[in-house]
């Protein structure tokens, strides 16, 4: 759901507690259309928890998040702006690569032609595997199916948790071009990653959880 208007996602004084442990507190940031927010930190520092809070899946212990100056829990279509990929790729193992994307398209209500879906499959290097069941794919190939889904869903905010896991170096370069195109089209990127992402010409905001 793209718009040419500049949209802003802000976090104010966020605190996250898991069990008896405080993962982070006093966290503030602001990211807008065409910008990328990179979340860094060691394992257990709260990166995944932060992404889930930004998706609206979990609530912070304190603080608030606003989208276009309105709390996300009160914003009518905030959830419809988000495409999220977590540690699990969310691929249906008993569907082929092509069937996975056709199914994903139906869920979000887009209406791409099959030829367009096949072209997206080609961009993630899985055209030869388009009719292969996902259960027969490698971990990296399953990750590519999930990343192809991003291009189908056409949402403004991409929230990605370690998206480069299991991907080879050559495909990382290609995927960085997909991310850059998303930002060029006024999209927003929020990503937790241990690996450097290159999206030249766009502002990259970095926060580190410790």
Protein backbone atom coordinates (compact mmCIF):
# COMPACT_ATOMS: atom_id res chain seq x y z
CA UNK A 1 0.00 0.00 0.00
CA UNK A 2 2.29 2.77 -1.28
CA UNK A 3 1.80 6.51 -1.10
CA UNK A 4 3.84 9.41 -2.43
CA UNK A 5 3.37 11.27 0.84
CA UNK A 6 6.14 11.14 3.43
CA UNK A 7 5.14 8.89 6.32
CA UNK A 8 6.97 8.78 9.63
CA UNK A 9 7.33 5.97 12.17
CA UNK A 10 8.47 7.16 15.61
CA UNK A 11 9.38 5.34 18.80
CA UNK A 12 9.47 7.21 22.08
CA UNK A 13 11.09 5.94 25.30
CA UNK A 14 10.53 2.26 24.48
CA UNK A 15 11.25 -0.31 27.14
CA UNK A 16 11.08 -4.06 26.66
CA UNK A 17 11.03 -6.65 29.44
CA UNK A 18 11.12 -10.38 28.83
CA UNK A 19 10.51 -12.56 31.88
CA UNK A 20 12.55 -10.97 34.64
CA UNK A 21 15.04 -9.37 32.25
CA UNK A 22 15.02 -5.87 30.82
CA UNK A 23 16.19 -6.09 27.22
CA UNK A 24 16.31 -2.38 26.46
CA UNK A 25 14.89 0.91 27.72
CA UNK A 26 14.79 4.60 26.81
CA UNK A 27 14.84 3.79 23.09
CA UNK A 28 13.94 6.64 20.72
CA UNK A 29 14.13 6.84 16.94
CA UNK A 30 12.35 8.23 13.92
CA UNK A 31 12.37 6.80 10.40
CA UNK A 32 10.46 8.00 7.37
CA UNK A 33 9.59 6.97 3.82
CA UNK A 34 12.70 6.29 1.75
CA UNK A 35 14.85 5.58 4.81
CA UNK A 36 16.26 2.42 6.37
CA UNK A 37 16.57 1.64 10.07
CA UNK A 38 19.18 -1.00 10.89
CA UNK A 39 18.96 -2.63 14.32
CA UNK A 40 22.22 -4.05 15.61
CA UNK A 41 23.16 -5.87 18.79
CA UNK A 42 24.31 -9.17 20.21
CA UNK A 43 22.11 -12.24 20.50
CA UNK A 44 19.60 -11.75 23.29
CA UNK A 45 19.80 -7.96 23.18
CA UNK A 46 16.17 -7.63 22.07
CA UNK A 47 16.38 -7.12 18.30
CA UNK A 48 13.60 -9.59 17.49
CA UNK A 49 11.50 -8.29 20.38
CA UNK A 50 11.81 -4.75 19.03
CA UNK A 51 10.76 -5.80 15.53
CA UNK A 52 7.72 -7.63 16.93
CA UNK A 53 6.78 -4.53 18.93
CA UNK A 54 7.04 -2.40 15.77
CA UNK A 55 4.77 -4.87 13.97
CA UNK A 56 2.21 -4.54 16.76
CA UNK A 57 2.52 -8.23 17.71
CA UNK A 58 3.86 -7.42 21.20
CA UNK A 59 3.47 -4.42 23.48
CA UNK A 60 6.37 -2.48 25.05
CA UNK A 61 6.61 -2.33 28.84
CA UNK A 62 6.64 1.47 28.54
CA UNK A 63 6.78 4.02 25.73
CA UNK A 64 4.83 4.37 22.53
CA UNK A 65 5.06 4.05 18.76
CA UNK A 66 3.33 6.38 16.32
CA UNK A 67 2.68 6.18 12.60
CA UNK A 68 2.02 9.57 11.01
CA UNK A 69 1.59 11.06 14.53
CA UNK A 70 -1.05 8.51 15.56
CA UNK A 71 -0.46 5.57 17.96
CA UNK A 72 -0.11 2.41 15.88
CA UNK A 73 -2.73 0.55 17.94
CA UNK A 74 -5.29 3.21 16.98
CA UNK A 75 -4.26 3.55 13.34
CA UNK A 76 -6.82 1.87 11.10
CA UNK A 77 -4.50 0.56 8.41
CA UNK A 78 -1.04 0.39 10.02
CA UNK A 79 -0.97 -3.42 9.94
CA UNK A 80 -1.85 -3.34 6.22
CA UNK A 81 1.30 -1.29 5.60
CA UNK A 82 3.65 -4.02 6.91
CA UNK A 83 5.40 -6.99 5.35
CA UNK A 84 7.26 -8.98 8.01
CA UNK A 85 9.77 -11.79 7.66
CA UNK A 86 11.00 -13.34 10.90
CA UNK A 87 13.53 -16.07 11.58
CA UNK A 88 11.15 -18.60 10.08
CA UNK A 89 10.61 -17.98 6.38
CA UNK A 90 6.89 -18.77 6.52
CA UNK A 91 7.03 -20.96 3.42
CA UNK A 92 4.35 -23.61 2.87
CA UNK A 93 6.34 -26.82 2.50
CA UNK A 94 3.67 -28.73 0.57
CA UNK A 95 3.34 -26.03 -2.10
CA UNK A 96 5.71 -25.35 -4.97
CA UNK A 97 7.61 -22.09 -5.20
CA UNK A 98 5.05 -20.72 -7.66
CA UNK A 99 2.10 -21.96 -5.59
CA UNK A 100 3.56 -20.35 -2.46
CA UNK A 101 3.57 -16.95 -4.13
CA UNK A 102 0.12 -17.37 -5.69
CA UNK A 103 -1.19 -18.32 -2.22
CA UNK A 104 0.58 -15.35 -0.60
CA UNK A 105 -0.92 -13.02 -3.19
CA UNK A 106 -4.44 -14.20 -2.41
CA UNK A 107 -3.87 -13.58 1.30
CA UNK A 108 -2.95 -9.93 0.78
CA UNK A 109 -5.43 -9.27 -2.02
CA UNK A 110 -3.04 -8.29 -4.81
CA UNK A 111 -3.78 -9.38 -8.37
CA UNK A 112 -0.55 -9.99 -10.28
CA UNK A 113 -0.64 -12.05 -13.45
CA UNK A 114 1.12 -15.41 -13.30
CA UNK A 115 3.70 -14.09 -15.76
CA UNK A 116 4.52 -11.26 -13.32
CA UNK A 117 4.85 -13.71 -10.44
CA UNK A 118 7.21 -15.84 -12.50
CA UNK A 119 9.32 -12.76 -13.22
CA UNK A 120 9.60 -12.09 -9.47
CA UNK A 121 10.66 -15.72 -9.02
CA UNK A 122 13.31 -15.11 -11.66
CA UNK A 123 14.63 -12.08 -9.73
CA UNK A 124 15.34 -14.27 -6.68
CA UNK A 125 17.07 -16.91 -8.79
CA UNK A 126 14.49 -19.68 -8.41
CA UNK A 127 12.93 -19.83 -11.87
CA UNK A 128 14.25 -23.35 -12.50
CA UNK A 129 12.75 -24.42 -9.15
CA UNK A 130 9.37 -22.72 -9.67
CA UNK A 131 7.53 -26.07 -9.78
CA UNK A 132 9.55 -27.73 -7.01
CA UNK A 133 7.92 -28.38 -3.63
CA UNK A 134 9.29 -26.04 -1.00
CA UNK A 135 10.18 -28.94 1.30
CA UNK A 136 12.83 -29.95 -1.26
CA UNK A 137 14.50 -26.54 -1.23
CA UNK A 138 17.59 -25.63 0.76
CA UNK A 139 17.35 -23.19 3.68
CA UNK A 140 18.72 -20.41 1.48
CA UNK A 141 16.21 -21.14 -1.29
CA UNK A 142 13.32 -21.06 1.20
CA UNK A 143 14.60 -17.69 2.35
CA UNK A 144 14.54 -16.51 -1.27
CA UNK A 145 10.86 -17.53 -1.56
CA UNK A 146 10.09 -15.39 1.49
CA UNK A 147 11.99 -12.45 0.02
CA UNK A 148 10.11 -12.85 -3.26
CA UNK A 149 6.90 -12.50 -1.25
CA UNK A 150 7.96 -9.00 -0.22
CA UNK A 151 7.85 -7.88 -3.83
CA UNK A 152 4.37 -9.37 -4.29
CA UNK A 153 2.79 -7.81 -1.24
CA UNK A 154 3.66 -4.22 -2.20
CA UNK A 155 3.54 -2.90 1.39
CA UNK A 156 5.18 0.33 2.50
CA UNK A 157 7.04 -0.96 5.58
CA UNK A 158 9.33 -3.96 5.27
CA UNK A 159 10.34 -5.34 8.70
CA UNK A 160 12.98 -8.04 8.30
CA UNK A 161 14.69 -10.14 10.96
CA UNK A 162 18.08 -11.38 9.74
CA UNK A 163 16.92 -11.55 6.09
CA UNK A 164 20.37 -12.48 4.79
CA UNK A 165 20.60 -15.71 6.80
CA UNK A 166 21.64 -18.67 4.60
CA UNK A 167 21.97 -16.47 1.49
CA UNK A 168 25.08 -16.67 -0.65
CA UNK A 169 27.18 -13.57 -1.32
CA UNK A 170 26.10 -13.17 -4.95
CA UNK A 171 22.40 -13.15 -4.07
CA UNK A 172 22.95 -10.69 -1.21
CA UNK A 173 24.08 -8.16 -3.82
CA UNK A 174 20.96 -8.78 -5.90
CA UNK A 175 18.72 -8.53 -2.84
CA UNK A 176 20.31 -5.22 -1.89
CA UNK A 177 19.12 -3.93 -5.27
CA UNK A 178 15.57 -5.05 -4.39
CA UNK A 179 15.83 -3.17 -1.09
CA UNK A 180 17.14 -0.07 -2.85
CA UNK A 181 14.25 -0.19 -5.33
CA UNK A 182 11.80 -0.42 -2.41
CA UNK A 183 13.33 2.70 -0.87
CA UNK A 184 13.40 4.46 -4.25
CA UNK A 185 9.64 3.92 -4.38
CA UNK A 186 9.17 5.69 -1.04
CA UNK A 187 9.13 2.49 0.98
CA UNK A 188 10.55 2.10 4.48
CA UNK A 189 12.95 -0.60 5.65
CA UNK A 190 13.50 -1.81 9.22
CA UNK A 191 15.98 -4.64 9.48
CA UNK A 192 17.88 -6.52 12.16
CA UNK A 193 21.06 -7.99 10.74
CA UNK A 194 24.58 -9.02 11.62
CA UNK A 195 25.68 -8.43 8.03
CA UNK A 196 26.25 -5.09 6.38
CA UNK A 197 23.52 -3.91 4.01
CA UNK A 198 24.37 -1.56 1.16
CA UNK A 199 21.54 0.69 0.00
CA UNK A 200 23.54 3.58 -1.44
CA UNK A 201 21.96 7.02 -1.81
CA UNK A 202 19.46 6.37 1.00
CA UNK A 203 19.71 7.45 4.61
CA UNK A 204 20.49 4.52 6.89
CA UNK A 205 19.79 5.05 10.59
CA UNK A 206 21.54 2.65 12.94
CA UNK A 207 20.64 1.79 16.50
CA UNK A 208 22.51 -0.69 18.68
CA UNK A 209 20.87 -2.65 21.47
CA UNK A 210 23.27 -3.79 24.17
